[in-house]
């Protein structure tokens, strides 16, 4: 297993543990803040243990609930690339649970999509990313 795959699986395991603890202790138990504090205290020189990053781990585990899929497919991508599919998985979940009226109300207009594409093209042509 590559170092990247091991890191992604570790983040997934942390995210699963957070989801389980939040389920048993409740959302207001500040599981993420406590974990961030505990990691910083135990490993003061380690980076990446901010509440924000730990929240990403939680979202990642929530979006990809099947460990086999994470291990086989998702772990092959760099960690930063794995943050994008979270939005896709959440959108997919929303699509399967929403009523047709809710979906129609949440969709962007053609004008909004065209404006976003135009802005993206200007950023790309301007040497942004």
N, C-alpha and C. Protein backbone atom coordinates (compact mmCIF):
# COMPACT_ATOMS: atom_id res chain seq x y z
N UNK A 1 0.85 -1.17 0.00
CA UNK A 1 0.00 0.00 0.00
C UNK A 1 0.90 1.23 0.00
N UNK A 2 0.56 2.21 -0.82
CA UNK A 2 1.36 3.44 -0.90
C UNK A 2 1.14 4.28 0.35
N UNK A 3 2.05 5.22 0.56
CA UNK A 3 1.93 6.11 1.71
C UNK A 3 0.66 6.95 1.61
N UNK A 4 0.34 7.39 0.39
CA UNK A 4 -0.88 8.17 0.19
C UNK A 4 -2.12 7.36 0.54
N UNK A 5 -2.19 6.12 0.08
CA UNK A 5 -3.35 5.27 0.38
C UNK A 5 -3.47 5.04 1.89
N UNK A 6 -2.34 4.84 2.55
CA UNK A 6 -2.36 4.64 4.01
C UNK A 6 -2.86 5.90 4.71
N UNK A 7 -2.43 7.07 4.24
CA UNK A 7 -2.88 8.33 4.83
C UNK A 7 -4.38 8.52 4.63
N UNK A 8 -4.85 8.29 3.41
CA UNK A 8 -6.28 8.46 3.12
C UNK A 8 -7.11 7.50 3.96
N UNK A 9 -6.66 6.25 4.09
CA UNK A 9 -7.39 5.29 4.93
C UNK A 9 -7.37 5.69 6.40
N UNK A 10 -6.25 6.24 6.85
CA UNK A 10 -6.19 6.72 8.23
C UNK A 10 -7.19 7.84 8.45
N UNK A 11 -7.25 8.79 7.52
CA UNK A 11 -8.22 9.88 7.63
C UNK A 11 -9.64 9.33 7.61
N UNK A 12 -9.88 8.32 6.79
CA UNK A 12 -11.21 7.72 6.72
C UNK A 12 -11.55 7.07 8.06
N UNK A 13 -10.60 6.35 8.65
CA UNK A 13 -10.82 5.69 9.94
C UNK A 13 -11.12 6.73 11.03
N UNK A 14 -10.39 7.84 11.02
CA UNK A 14 -10.65 8.91 11.99
C UNK A 14 -12.07 9.44 11.78
N UNK A 15 -12.43 9.67 10.52
CA UNK A 15 -13.78 10.16 10.22
C UNK A 15 -14.86 9.20 10.68
N UNK A 16 -14.66 7.89 10.46
CA UNK A 16 -15.64 6.89 10.92
C UNK A 16 -15.76 6.91 12.43
N UNK A 17 -14.63 7.02 13.13
CA UNK A 17 -14.64 7.05 14.59
C UNK A 17 -15.41 8.28 15.09
N UNK A 18 -15.23 9.40 14.42
CA UNK A 18 -15.96 10.62 14.80
C UNK A 18 -17.45 10.42 14.60
N UNK A 19 -17.84 9.87 13.45
CA UNK A 19 -19.27 9.63 13.19
C UNK A 19 -19.88 8.73 14.27
N UNK A 20 -19.16 7.67 14.64
CA UNK A 20 -19.66 6.75 15.66
C UNK A 20 -19.77 7.44 17.02
N UNK A 21 -18.76 8.22 17.37
CA UNK A 21 -18.79 8.91 18.67
C UNK A 21 -19.89 9.96 18.70
N UNK A 22 -20.08 10.67 17.60
CA UNK A 22 -21.15 11.66 17.55
C UNK A 22 -22.51 10.99 17.65
N UNK A 23 -22.61 9.80 17.11
CA UNK A 23 -23.87 9.07 17.19
C UNK A 23 -24.17 8.65 18.63
N UNK A 24 -23.15 8.20 19.35
CA UNK A 24 -23.37 7.75 20.73
C UNK A 24 -23.39 8.90 21.73
N UNK A 25 -22.53 9.91 21.52
CA UNK A 25 -22.43 11.01 22.48
C UNK A 25 -23.33 12.19 22.14
N UNK A 26 -23.77 12.26 20.91
CA UNK A 26 -24.60 13.39 20.49
C UNK A 26 -23.78 14.46 19.81
N UNK A 27 -24.43 15.23 18.95
CA UNK A 27 -23.74 16.23 18.15
C UNK A 27 -23.10 17.31 19.02
N UNK A 28 -23.72 17.70 20.09
CA UNK A 28 -23.22 18.79 20.93
C UNK A 28 -22.07 18.39 21.84
N UNK A 29 -21.55 17.18 21.70
CA UNK A 29 -20.50 16.70 22.59
C UNK A 29 -19.12 17.26 22.22
N UNK A 30 -19.03 18.04 21.15
CA UNK A 30 -17.77 18.67 20.72
C UNK A 30 -16.67 17.64 20.47
N UNK A 31 -17.05 16.53 19.85
CA UNK A 31 -16.12 15.44 19.57
C UNK A 31 -14.94 15.94 18.74
N UNK A 32 -15.21 16.71 17.71
CA UNK A 32 -14.16 17.19 16.81
C UNK A 32 -13.20 18.12 17.53
N UNK A 33 -13.73 19.06 18.29
CA UNK A 33 -12.85 19.98 19.03
C UNK A 33 -12.00 19.25 20.05
N UNK A 34 -12.59 18.30 20.75
CA UNK A 34 -11.81 17.53 21.74
C UNK A 34 -10.73 16.71 21.08
N UNK A 35 -11.07 16.06 19.96
CA UNK A 35 -10.08 15.25 19.25
C UNK A 35 -8.94 16.11 18.74
N UNK A 36 -9.26 17.26 18.17
CA UNK A 36 -8.23 18.18 17.69
C UNK A 36 -7.29 18.58 18.83
N UNK A 37 -7.85 18.93 19.95
CA UNK A 37 -7.05 19.31 21.12
C UNK A 37 -6.17 18.15 21.59
N UNK A 38 -6.74 16.96 21.67
CA UNK A 38 -6.00 15.79 22.13
C UNK A 38 -4.84 15.45 21.18
N UNK A 39 -5.07 15.54 19.87
CA UNK A 39 -4.01 15.24 18.90
C UNK A 39 -2.89 16.27 19.01
N UNK A 40 -3.26 17.55 19.14
CA UNK A 40 -2.25 18.60 19.26
C UNK A 40 -1.43 18.42 20.54
N UNK A 41 -2.09 18.00 21.62
CA UNK A 41 -1.37 17.79 22.88
C UNK A 41 -0.43 16.58 22.79
N UNK A 42 -0.88 15.52 22.14
CA UNK A 42 -0.06 14.30 22.03
C UNK A 42 1.05 14.43 20.99
N UNK A 43 0.78 15.17 19.91
CA UNK A 43 1.74 15.31 18.81
C UNK A 43 1.88 16.79 18.45
N UNK A 44 2.57 17.57 19.27
CA UNK A 44 2.62 19.03 19.05
C UNK A 44 3.26 19.45 17.73
N UNK A 45 4.13 18.63 17.16
CA UNK A 45 4.80 19.00 15.91
C UNK A 45 4.03 18.55 14.66
N UNK A 46 2.96 17.81 14.85
CA UNK A 46 2.19 17.30 13.72
C UNK A 46 1.20 18.35 13.22
N UNK A 47 1.13 18.50 11.91
CA UNK A 47 0.17 19.43 11.34
C UNK A 47 -1.05 18.66 10.84
N UNK A 48 -2.11 19.39 10.53
CA UNK A 48 -3.30 18.76 9.96
C UNK A 48 -4.33 18.31 10.96
N UNK A 49 -4.20 18.73 12.21
CA UNK A 49 -5.16 18.27 13.21
C UNK A 49 -6.09 19.39 13.68
N UNK A 50 -6.27 20.39 12.84
CA UNK A 50 -7.19 21.48 13.20
C UNK A 50 -8.63 20.95 13.16
N UNK A 51 -9.53 21.60 13.88
CA UNK A 51 -10.95 21.17 13.81
C UNK A 51 -11.48 21.16 12.38
N UNK A 52 -11.03 22.11 11.58
CA UNK A 52 -11.49 22.17 10.19
C UNK A 52 -11.05 20.92 9.42
N UNK A 53 -9.78 20.52 9.55
CA UNK A 53 -9.30 19.33 8.85
C UNK A 53 -9.99 18.07 9.37
N UNK A 54 -10.22 18.01 10.66
CA UNK A 54 -10.90 16.84 11.22
C UNK A 54 -12.34 16.79 10.75
N UNK A 55 -12.96 17.95 10.55
CA UNK A 55 -14.31 18.00 9.99
C UNK A 55 -14.30 17.44 8.56
N UNK A 56 -13.25 17.73 7.79
CA UNK A 56 -13.12 17.16 6.45
C UNK A 56 -13.05 15.63 6.52
N UNK A 57 -12.32 15.12 7.50
CA UNK A 57 -12.22 13.66 7.66
C UNK A 57 -13.59 13.07 7.95
N UNK A 58 -14.36 13.74 8.78
CA UNK A 58 -15.71 13.28 9.11
C UNK A 58 -16.59 13.27 7.85
N UNK A 59 -16.54 14.37 7.09
CA UNK A 59 -17.34 14.46 5.87
C UNK A 59 -16.92 13.40 4.86
N UNK A 60 -15.62 13.17 4.77
CA UNK A 60 -15.09 12.16 3.86
C UNK A 60 -15.65 10.79 4.21
N UNK A 61 -15.62 10.41 5.49
CA UNK A 61 -16.13 9.11 5.92
C UNK A 61 -17.64 9.02 5.74
N UNK A 62 -18.32 10.14 5.92
CA UNK A 62 -19.77 10.15 5.74
C UNK A 62 -20.13 9.98 4.26
N UNK A 63 -19.35 10.62 3.39
CA UNK A 63 -19.62 10.54 1.95
C UNK A 63 -19.30 9.16 1.38
N UNK A 64 -18.24 8.52 1.88
CA UNK A 64 -17.80 7.22 1.39
C UNK A 64 -17.89 6.23 2.54
N UNK A 65 -19.07 5.69 2.78
CA UNK A 65 -19.29 4.86 3.96
C UNK A 65 -18.74 3.44 3.84
N UNK A 66 -18.45 2.99 2.64
CA UNK A 66 -17.97 1.62 2.43
C UNK A 66 -16.44 1.59 2.41
N UNK A 67 -15.84 0.98 3.42
CA UNK A 67 -14.38 0.94 3.53
C UNK A 67 -13.74 0.26 2.32
N UNK A 68 -14.40 -0.76 1.78
CA UNK A 68 -13.83 -1.47 0.63
C UNK A 68 -13.68 -0.55 -0.57
N UNK A 69 -14.65 0.32 -0.80
CA UNK A 69 -14.57 1.27 -1.91
C UNK A 69 -13.44 2.27 -1.65
N UNK A 70 -13.35 2.73 -0.41
CA UNK A 70 -12.29 3.67 -0.07
C UNK A 70 -10.93 3.02 -0.30
N UNK A 71 -10.76 1.82 0.20
CA UNK A 71 -9.47 1.15 0.09
C UNK A 71 -9.11 0.84 -1.37
N UNK A 72 -10.08 0.40 -2.13
CA UNK A 72 -9.81 -0.04 -3.50
C UNK A 72 -9.70 1.13 -4.48
N UNK A 73 -10.52 2.15 -4.32
CA UNK A 73 -10.60 3.18 -5.34
C UNK A 73 -10.21 4.56 -4.83
N UNK A 74 -10.91 5.03 -3.83
CA UNK A 74 -10.75 6.41 -3.38
C UNK A 74 -9.36 6.66 -2.82
N UNK A 75 -8.77 5.69 -2.15
CA UNK A 75 -7.45 5.87 -1.55
C UNK A 75 -6.36 6.03 -2.60
N UNK A 76 -6.66 5.76 -3.84
CA UNK A 76 -5.66 5.92 -4.89
C UNK A 76 -5.48 7.38 -5.30
N UNK A 77 -6.40 8.23 -4.88
CA UNK A 77 -6.33 9.65 -5.20
C UNK A 77 -5.63 10.40 -4.07
N UNK A 78 -4.93 11.49 -4.39
CA UNK A 78 -4.35 12.30 -3.32
C UNK A 78 -5.45 12.85 -2.41
N UNK A 79 -5.12 13.10 -1.15
CA UNK A 79 -6.12 13.54 -0.16
C UNK A 79 -6.91 14.74 -0.65
N UNK A 80 -6.26 15.75 -1.17
CA UNK A 80 -6.98 16.96 -1.61
C UNK A 80 -8.01 16.64 -2.69
N UNK A 81 -7.71 15.69 -3.54
CA UNK A 81 -8.67 15.29 -4.58
C UNK A 81 -9.89 14.61 -3.97
N UNK A 82 -9.72 14.01 -2.82
CA UNK A 82 -10.83 13.32 -2.18
C UNK A 82 -11.83 14.28 -1.54
N UNK A 83 -11.44 15.53 -1.38
CA UNK A 83 -12.37 16.48 -0.78
C UNK A 83 -13.45 16.89 -1.78
N UNK A 84 -13.15 16.91 -3.07
CA UNK A 84 -14.14 17.29 -4.07
C UNK A 84 -15.29 16.30 -4.19
N UNK A 85 -15.05 14.99 -4.22
CA UNK A 85 -16.17 14.06 -4.35
C UNK A 85 -17.16 14.12 -3.19
N UNK A 86 -16.76 14.73 -2.07
CA UNK A 86 -17.69 14.84 -0.94
C UNK A 86 -18.92 15.61 -1.38
N UNK A 87 -18.70 16.71 -2.10
CA UNK A 87 -19.82 17.49 -2.59
C UNK A 87 -20.67 16.68 -3.55
N UNK A 88 -20.03 15.90 -4.39
CA UNK A 88 -20.76 15.06 -5.35
C UNK A 88 -21.60 14.02 -4.61
N UNK A 89 -21.02 13.37 -3.62
CA UNK A 89 -21.76 12.35 -2.87
C UNK A 89 -22.93 12.98 -2.11
N UNK A 90 -22.72 14.16 -1.55
CA UNK A 90 -23.81 14.82 -0.84
C UNK A 90 -24.91 15.23 -1.81
N UNK A 91 -24.51 15.73 -2.99
CA UNK A 91 -25.50 16.10 -4.00
C UNK A 91 -26.27 14.87 -4.46
N UNK A 92 -25.58 13.76 -4.67
CA UNK A 92 -26.24 12.52 -5.08
C UNK A 92 -27.25 12.08 -4.02
N UNK A 93 -26.87 12.16 -2.75
CA UNK A 93 -27.77 11.79 -1.66
C UNK A 93 -29.00 12.71 -1.65
N UNK A 94 -28.76 14.01 -1.87
CA UNK A 94 -29.85 14.97 -1.90
C UNK A 94 -30.80 14.68 -3.06
N UNK A 95 -30.23 14.30 -4.22
CA UNK A 95 -31.06 14.00 -5.39
C UNK A 95 -31.99 12.82 -5.13
N UNK A 96 -31.52 11.81 -4.43
CA UNK A 96 -32.33 10.62 -4.22
C UNK A 96 -33.38 10.82 -3.13
N UNK A 97 -33.23 11.85 -2.30
CA UNK A 97 -34.16 12.05 -1.19
C UNK A 97 -35.11 13.23 -1.38
N UNK A 98 -34.83 14.10 -2.34
CA UNK A 98 -35.63 15.31 -2.51
C UNK A 98 -36.84 15.06 -3.41
N UNK A 99 -37.85 15.90 -3.21
CA UNK A 99 -39.02 15.85 -4.08
C UNK A 99 -38.68 16.58 -5.37
N UNK A 100 -39.43 16.31 -6.46
CA UNK A 100 -39.17 17.01 -7.72
C UNK A 100 -39.27 18.53 -7.59
N UNK A 101 -40.19 19.01 -6.75
CA UNK A 101 -40.34 20.45 -6.57
C UNK A 101 -39.11 21.05 -5.89
N UNK A 102 -38.59 20.35 -4.87
CA UNK A 102 -37.39 20.83 -4.18
C UNK A 102 -36.19 20.85 -5.12
N UNK A 103 -36.07 19.83 -5.96
CA UNK A 103 -34.96 19.77 -6.90
C UNK A 103 -35.02 20.92 -7.90
N UNK A 104 -36.20 21.16 -8.43
CA UNK A 104 -36.36 22.23 -9.41
C UNK A 104 -36.00 23.57 -8.79
N UNK A 105 -36.41 23.79 -7.55
CA UNK A 105 -36.13 25.05 -6.88
C UNK A 105 -34.64 25.23 -6.59
N UNK A 106 -33.91 24.13 -6.42
CA UNK A 106 -32.49 24.22 -6.07
C UNK A 106 -31.56 24.31 -7.27
N UNK A 107 -32.08 24.08 -8.47
CA UNK A 107 -31.24 24.11 -9.66
C UNK A 107 -30.90 25.53 -10.08
N UNK A 108 -29.70 25.72 -10.58
CA UNK A 108 -29.28 27.03 -11.09
C UNK A 108 -29.97 27.29 -12.41
N UNK A 109 -30.16 28.57 -12.71
CA UNK A 109 -30.72 28.94 -14.01
C UNK A 109 -29.63 28.82 -15.07
N UNK A 110 -30.04 28.81 -16.33
CA UNK A 110 -29.10 28.75 -17.43
C UNK A 110 -28.15 29.95 -17.36
N UNK A 111 -28.69 31.11 -17.03
CA UNK A 111 -27.88 32.33 -16.95
C UNK A 111 -26.81 32.19 -15.86
N UNK A 112 -27.18 31.61 -14.71
CA UNK A 112 -26.21 31.42 -13.61
C UNK A 112 -25.10 30.45 -14.02
N UNK A 113 -25.47 29.38 -14.69
CA UNK A 113 -24.48 28.41 -15.14
C UNK A 113 -23.54 29.04 -16.17
N UNK A 114 -24.10 29.79 -17.12
CA UNK A 114 -23.28 30.45 -18.13
C UNK A 114 -22.31 31.43 -17.48
N UNK A 115 -22.77 32.18 -16.48
CA UNK A 115 -21.90 33.15 -15.79
C UNK A 115 -20.76 32.43 -15.07
N UNK A 116 -21.07 31.29 -14.44
CA UNK A 116 -20.03 30.51 -13.75
C UNK A 116 -19.01 29.98 -14.74
N UNK A 117 -19.48 29.47 -15.87
CA UNK A 117 -18.56 28.94 -16.89
C UNK A 117 -17.69 30.05 -17.48
N UNK A 118 -18.30 31.21 -17.69
CA UNK A 118 -17.54 32.34 -18.23
C UNK A 118 -16.46 32.77 -17.23
N UNK A 119 -16.81 32.84 -15.95
CA UNK A 119 -15.84 33.22 -14.91
C UNK A 119 -14.72 32.18 -14.83
N UNK A 120 -15.08 30.92 -14.94
CA UNK A 120 -14.08 29.85 -14.91
C UNK A 120 -13.13 29.98 -16.10
N UNK A 121 -13.66 30.26 -17.27
CA UNK A 121 -12.84 30.43 -18.47
C UNK A 121 -11.91 31.62 -18.34
N UNK A 122 -12.39 32.71 -17.74
CA UNK A 122 -11.55 33.88 -17.56
C UNK A 122 -10.40 33.58 -16.58
N UNK A 123 -10.68 32.83 -15.54
CA UNK A 123 -9.63 32.46 -14.58
C UNK A 123 -8.59 31.60 -15.23
N UNK A 124 -9.03 30.63 -16.04
CA UNK A 124 -8.12 29.71 -16.69
C UNK A 124 -7.27 30.44 -17.74
N UNK A 125 -7.90 31.28 -18.54
CA UNK A 125 -7.18 32.00 -19.58
C UNK A 125 -6.24 33.04 -18.97
N UNK A 126 -6.61 33.56 -17.81
CA UNK A 126 -5.79 34.58 -17.16
C UNK A 126 -4.62 34.00 -16.39
N UNK A 127 -4.44 32.70 -16.44
CA UNK A 127 -3.31 32.06 -15.75
C UNK A 127 -3.55 31.87 -14.27
N UNK A 128 -4.83 31.84 -13.84
CA UNK A 128 -5.16 31.70 -12.41
C UNK A 128 -4.60 30.45 -11.80
N UNK A 129 -5.11 29.31 -12.16
CA UNK A 129 -4.69 28.06 -11.52
C UNK A 129 -3.81 27.35 -12.41
